[in-house]
Amino acid sequence: MSPSYNRSYLAYRIAKLLDKEERFNFHIEMTLDIAGVDYIPDIAVYDKKTIDFLHDRIKADEKPLLAVEILSPKQSVTDVMEKIEVYLNAGVKSCWLVIPPTRTIIIFNDINKPLSHSTGVLTDSALNVEIALADVFR
């Protein structure tokens, strides 16, 4: 599925806001191999490390710290939730579901305990990050 206009814009905004301290590496639409199945989060966030430009890979088997899924006009929440559950079960520490029409980000550190943010400051304790929602959706 091709990223929509708003989806690609929000991926950029979120990565930019999370990169203020330069603690992370960001990979946009990179394929993750989870138990032999390919998944492609909009953003995969890893601890900062040196990139080996000589030896590229088509898929990553190491799990990111954070997987961000931005709901597109043709996706259902159910489809994205299934991916988030797979990510968490595979060892991803945190997953964000971004819902552009409602300007909402839902944080999942536990599939059964979502934290919804539509105003104010989003705090993800699993990654020790905070970002203002007004800065994401501007």
C-alpha atoms as a PDB file:
ATOM      1  CA  MET A   1       0.000   0.000   0.000  1.00  0.00           C
ATOM      2  CA  SER A   2       1.434   3.380  -0.992  1.00  0.00           C
ATOM      3  CA  PRO A   3       1.755   5.963   1.752  1.00  0.00           C
ATOM      4  CA  SER A   4      -0.777   8.755   1.567  1.00  0.00           C
ATOM      5  CA  TYR A   5       0.156  12.428   1.599  1.00  0.00           C
ATOM      6  CA  ASN A   6      -0.748  12.934   5.282  1.00  0.00           C
ATOM      7  CA  ARG A   7       0.820   9.624   6.289  1.00  0.00           C
ATOM      8  CA  SER A   8       4.197  10.483   4.767  1.00  0.00           C
ATOM      9  CA  TYR A   9       4.085  13.985   6.275  1.00  0.00           C
ATOM     10  CA  LEU A  10       3.335  12.613   9.759  1.00  0.00           C
ATOM     11  CA  ALA A  11       6.121  10.025   9.494  1.00  0.00           C
ATOM     12  CA  TYR A  12       8.558  12.856   8.837  1.00  0.00           C
ATOM     13  CA  ARG A  13       7.160  15.006  11.687  1.00  0.00           C
ATOM     14  CA  ILE A  14       7.316  12.193  14.233  1.00  0.00           C
ATOM     15  CA  ALA A  15      10.865  11.159  13.291  1.00  0.00           C
ATOM     16  CA  LYS A  16      12.013  14.771  13.388  1.00  0.00           C
ATOM     17  CA  LEU A  17      10.494  15.372  16.830  1.00  0.00           C
ATOM     18  CA  LEU A  18      11.942  12.149  18.258  1.00  0.00           C
ATOM     19  CA  ASP A  19      15.390  12.939  16.841  1.00  0.00           C
ATOM     20  CA  LYS A  20      15.993  16.095  18.915  1.00  0.00           C
ATOM     21  CA  GLU A  21      18.416  14.288  21.237  1.00  0.00           C
ATOM     22  CA  GLU A  22      19.908  12.152  18.443  1.00  0.00           C
ATOM     23  CA  ARG A  23      19.455   8.982  20.548  1.00  0.00           C
ATOM     24  CA  PHE A  24      17.889   6.903  17.795  1.00  0.00           C
ATOM     25  CA  ASN A  25      18.193   5.637  14.233  1.00  0.00           C
ATOM     26  CA  PHE A  26      15.023   5.922  12.164  1.00  0.00           C
ATOM     27  CA  HIS A  27      14.044   3.613   9.324  1.00  0.00           C
ATOM     28  CA  ILE A  28      11.059   4.543   7.197  1.00  0.00           C
ATOM     29  CA  GLU A  29       9.034   1.666   5.730  1.00  0.00           C
ATOM     30  CA  MET A  30      11.765  -0.912   6.336  1.00  0.00           C
ATOM     31  CA  THR A  31      10.811  -4.572   6.147  1.00  0.00           C
ATOM     32  CA  LEU A  32      10.981  -6.479   9.428  1.00  0.00           C
ATOM     33  CA  ASP A  33      11.214 -10.254   9.342  1.00  0.00           C
ATOM     34  CA  ILE A  34       9.158 -11.570  12.249  1.00  0.00           C
ATOM     35  CA  ALA A  35       8.989 -15.360  12.389  1.00  0.00           C
ATOM     36  CA  GLY A  36       9.418 -15.591   8.610  1.00  0.00           C
ATOM     37  CA  VAL A  37       6.673 -13.050   7.833  1.00  0.00           C
ATOM     38  CA  ASP A  38       7.359  -9.573   6.429  1.00  0.00           C
ATOM     39  CA  TYR A  39       5.952  -6.537   8.243  1.00  0.00           C
ATOM     40  CA  ILE A  40       6.560  -2.937   7.250  1.00  0.00           C
ATOM     41  CA  PRO A  41       5.910  -0.320   9.928  1.00  0.00           C
ATOM     42  CA  ASP A  42       5.799   3.299   8.809  1.00  0.00           C
ATOM     43  CA  ILE A  43       8.682   4.064  11.189  1.00  0.00           C
ATOM     44  CA  ALA A  44      11.012   1.655  12.979  1.00  0.00           C
ATOM     45  CA  VAL A  45      13.112   3.261  15.718  1.00  0.00           C
ATOM     46  CA  TYR A  46      16.351   1.713  16.982  1.00  0.00           C
ATOM     47  CA  ASP A  47      19.037   2.722  19.449  1.00  0.00           C
ATOM     48  CA  LYS A  48      21.650   4.910  17.767  1.00  0.00           C
ATOM     49  CA  LYS A  49      24.423   2.962  16.059  1.00  0.00           C
ATOM     50  CA  THR A  50      26.777   3.395  13.134  1.00  0.00           C
ATOM     51  CA  ILE A  51      25.233   2.470   9.788  1.00  0.00           C
ATOM     52  CA  ASP A  52      27.264   0.094   7.619  1.00  0.00           C
ATOM     53  CA  PHE A  53      26.724   1.528   4.136  1.00  0.00           C
ATOM     54  CA  LEU A  54      28.955  -1.132   2.567  1.00  0.00           C
ATOM     55  CA  HIS A  55      26.711  -4.023   3.648  1.00  0.00           C
ATOM     56  CA  ASP A  56      23.043  -3.197   3.127  1.00  0.00           C
ATOM     57  CA  ARG A  57      20.208  -5.572   3.950  1.00  0.00           C
ATOM     58  CA  ILE A  58      16.781  -6.086   2.415  1.00  0.00           C
ATOM     59  CA  LYS A  59      15.138  -7.064   5.719  1.00  0.00           C
ATOM     60  CA  ALA A  60      15.853  -6.519   9.398  1.00  0.00           C
ATOM     61  CA  ASP A  61      15.549  -9.357  11.842  1.00  0.00           C
ATOM     62  CA  GLU A  62      16.405  -7.333  14.944  1.00  0.00           C
ATOM     63  CA  LYS A  63      13.322  -5.798  16.518  1.00  0.00           C
ATOM     64  CA  PRO A  64      13.032  -2.031  16.846  1.00  0.00           C
ATOM     65  CA  LEU A  65      12.467  -0.250  20.148  1.00  0.00           C
ATOM     66  CA  LEU A  66       9.437   1.470  18.619  1.00  0.00           C
ATOM     67  CA  ALA A  67       7.206   0.674  15.650  1.00  0.00           C
ATOM     68  CA  VAL A  68       4.924   3.465  14.446  1.00  0.00           C
ATOM     69  CA  GLU A  69       1.873   2.712  12.342  1.00  0.00           C
ATOM     70  CA  ILE A  70       0.058   5.659  10.769  1.00  0.00           C
ATOM     71  CA  LEU A  71      -3.494   4.849   9.768  1.00  0.00           C
ATOM     72  CA  SER A  72      -4.105   5.524   6.086  1.00  0.00           C
ATOM     73  CA  PRO A  73      -7.484   6.196   4.479  1.00  0.00           C
ATOM     74  CA  LYS A  74      -7.758   2.614   3.184  1.00  0.00           C
ATOM     75  CA  GLN A  75      -6.667   0.758   6.325  1.00  0.00           C
ATOM     76  CA  SER A  76      -8.878  -0.535   9.076  1.00  0.00           C
ATOM     77  CA  VAL A  77      -7.959  -0.123  12.719  1.00  0.00           C
ATOM     78  CA  THR A  78      -8.408  -3.893  13.107  1.00  0.00           C
ATOM     79  CA  ASP A  79      -5.724  -4.594  10.475  1.00  0.00           C
ATOM     80  CA  VAL A  80      -3.258  -2.243  12.141  1.00  0.00           C
ATOM     81  CA  MET A  81      -4.036  -3.615  15.614  1.00  0.00           C
ATOM     82  CA  GLU A  82      -3.176  -7.116  14.403  1.00  0.00           C
ATOM     83  CA  LYS A  83       0.246  -5.829  13.311  1.00  0.00           C
ATOM     84  CA  ILE A  84       0.780  -4.046  16.623  1.00  0.00           C
ATOM     85  CA  GLU A  85       0.001  -7.236  18.513  1.00  0.00           C
ATOM     86  CA  VAL A  86       2.572  -9.118  16.389  1.00  0.00           C
ATOM     87  CA  TYR A  87       5.188  -6.420  17.038  1.00  0.00           C
ATOM     88  CA  LEU A  88       4.667  -6.477  20.806  1.00  0.00           C
ATOM     89  CA  ASN A  89       4.696 -10.285  20.959  1.00  0.00           C
ATOM     90  CA  ALA A  90       7.960 -10.267  18.973  1.00  0.00           C
ATOM     91  CA  GLY A  91       9.664  -8.035  21.524  1.00  0.00           C
ATOM     92  CA  VAL A  92       9.129  -4.499  20.247  1.00  0.00           C
ATOM     93  CA  LYS A  93       9.022  -2.315  23.405  1.00  0.00           C
ATOM     94  CA  SER A  94       6.482   0.208  22.186  1.00  0.00           C
ATOM     95  CA  CYS A  95       4.049   0.694  19.309  1.00  0.00           C
ATOM     96  CA  TRP A  96       2.238   3.845  18.322  1.00  0.00           C
ATOM     97  CA  LEU A  97      -0.969   3.950  16.332  1.00  0.00           C
ATOM     98  CA  VAL A  98      -1.366   7.374  14.756  1.00  0.00           C
ATOM     99  CA  ILE A  99      -4.899   8.302  13.668  1.00  0.00           C
ATOM    100  CA  PRO A 100      -4.640  11.450  11.526  1.00  0.00           C
ATOM    101  CA  PRO A 101      -8.342  12.468  11.231  1.00  0.00           C
ATOM    102  CA  THR A 102      -8.713  12.641  15.030  1.00  0.00           C
ATOM    103  CA  ARG A 103      -5.151  13.877  15.639  1.00  0.00           C
ATOM    104  CA  THR A 104      -4.653  11.034  18.072  1.00  0.00           C
ATOM    105  CA  ILE A 105      -1.694   8.830  18.949  1.00  0.00           C
ATOM    106  CA  ILE A 106      -2.292   5.657  20.936  1.00  0.00           C
ATOM    107  CA  ILE A 107       0.720   4.166  22.715  1.00  0.00           C
ATOM    108  CA  PHE A 108       0.902   0.415  23.245  1.00  0.00           C
ATOM    109  CA  ASN A 109       3.575  -0.891  25.606  1.00  0.00           C
ATOM    110  CA  ASP A 110       1.051  -3.608  26.482  1.00  0.00           C
ATOM    111  CA  ILE A 111      -1.686  -4.608  24.010  1.00  0.00           C
ATOM    112  CA  ASN A 112      -4.255  -4.559  26.822  1.00  0.00           C
ATOM    113  CA  LYS A 113      -3.311  -1.148  28.222  1.00  0.00           C
ATOM    114  CA  PRO A 114      -3.403   1.459  25.440  1.00  0.00           C
ATOM    115  CA  LEU A 115      -2.711   5.097  26.319  1.00  0.00           C
ATOM    116  CA  SER A 116      -4.538   7.537  24.046  1.00  0.00           C
ATOM    117  CA  HIS A 117      -3.289  11.090  23.475  1.00  0.00           C
ATOM    118  CA  SER A 118      -5.187  13.770  21.568  1.00  0.00           C
ATOM    119  CA  THR A 119      -3.924  16.891  23.327  1.00  0.00           C
ATOM    120  CA  GLY A 120      -0.996  17.966  25.437  1.00  0.00           C
ATOM    121  CA  VAL A 121       2.240  16.021  25.691  1.00  0.00           C
ATOM    122  CA  LEU A 122       2.630  12.395  24.683  1.00  0.00           C
ATOM    123  CA  THR A 123       4.881  10.504  27.090  1.00  0.00           C
ATOM    124  CA  ASP A 124       6.213   7.073  26.221  1.00  0.00           C
ATOM    125  CA  SER A 125       7.814   5.704  29.385  1.00  0.00           C
ATOM    126  CA  ALA A 126       9.222   2.644  27.576  1.00  0.00           C
ATOM    127  CA  LEU A 127      11.469   4.914  25.505  1.00  0.00           C
ATOM    128  CA  ASN A 128      11.691   7.843  27.908  1.00  0.00           C
ATOM    129  CA  VAL A 129      10.465  10.310  25.275  1.00  0.00           C
ATOM    130  CA  GLU A 130       7.978  13.157  25.260  1.00  0.00           C
ATOM    131  CA  ILE A 131       6.568  15.074  22.317  1.00  0.00           C
ATOM    132  CA  ALA A 132       3.846  17.696  22.116  1.00  0.00           C
ATOM    133  CA  LEU A 133       0.877  16.610  20.007  1.00  0.00           C
ATOM    134  CA  ALA A 134       0.558  20.169  18.685  1.00  0.00           C
ATOM    135  CA  ASP A 135       4.037  19.772  17.164  1.00  0.00           C
ATOM    136  CA  VAL A 136       3.074  16.509  15.433  1.00  0.00           C
ATOM    137  CA  PHE A 137      -0.227  17.675  13.937  1.00  0.00           C
ATOM    138  CA  ARG A 138       0.693  21.121  12.645  1.00  0.00           C
END
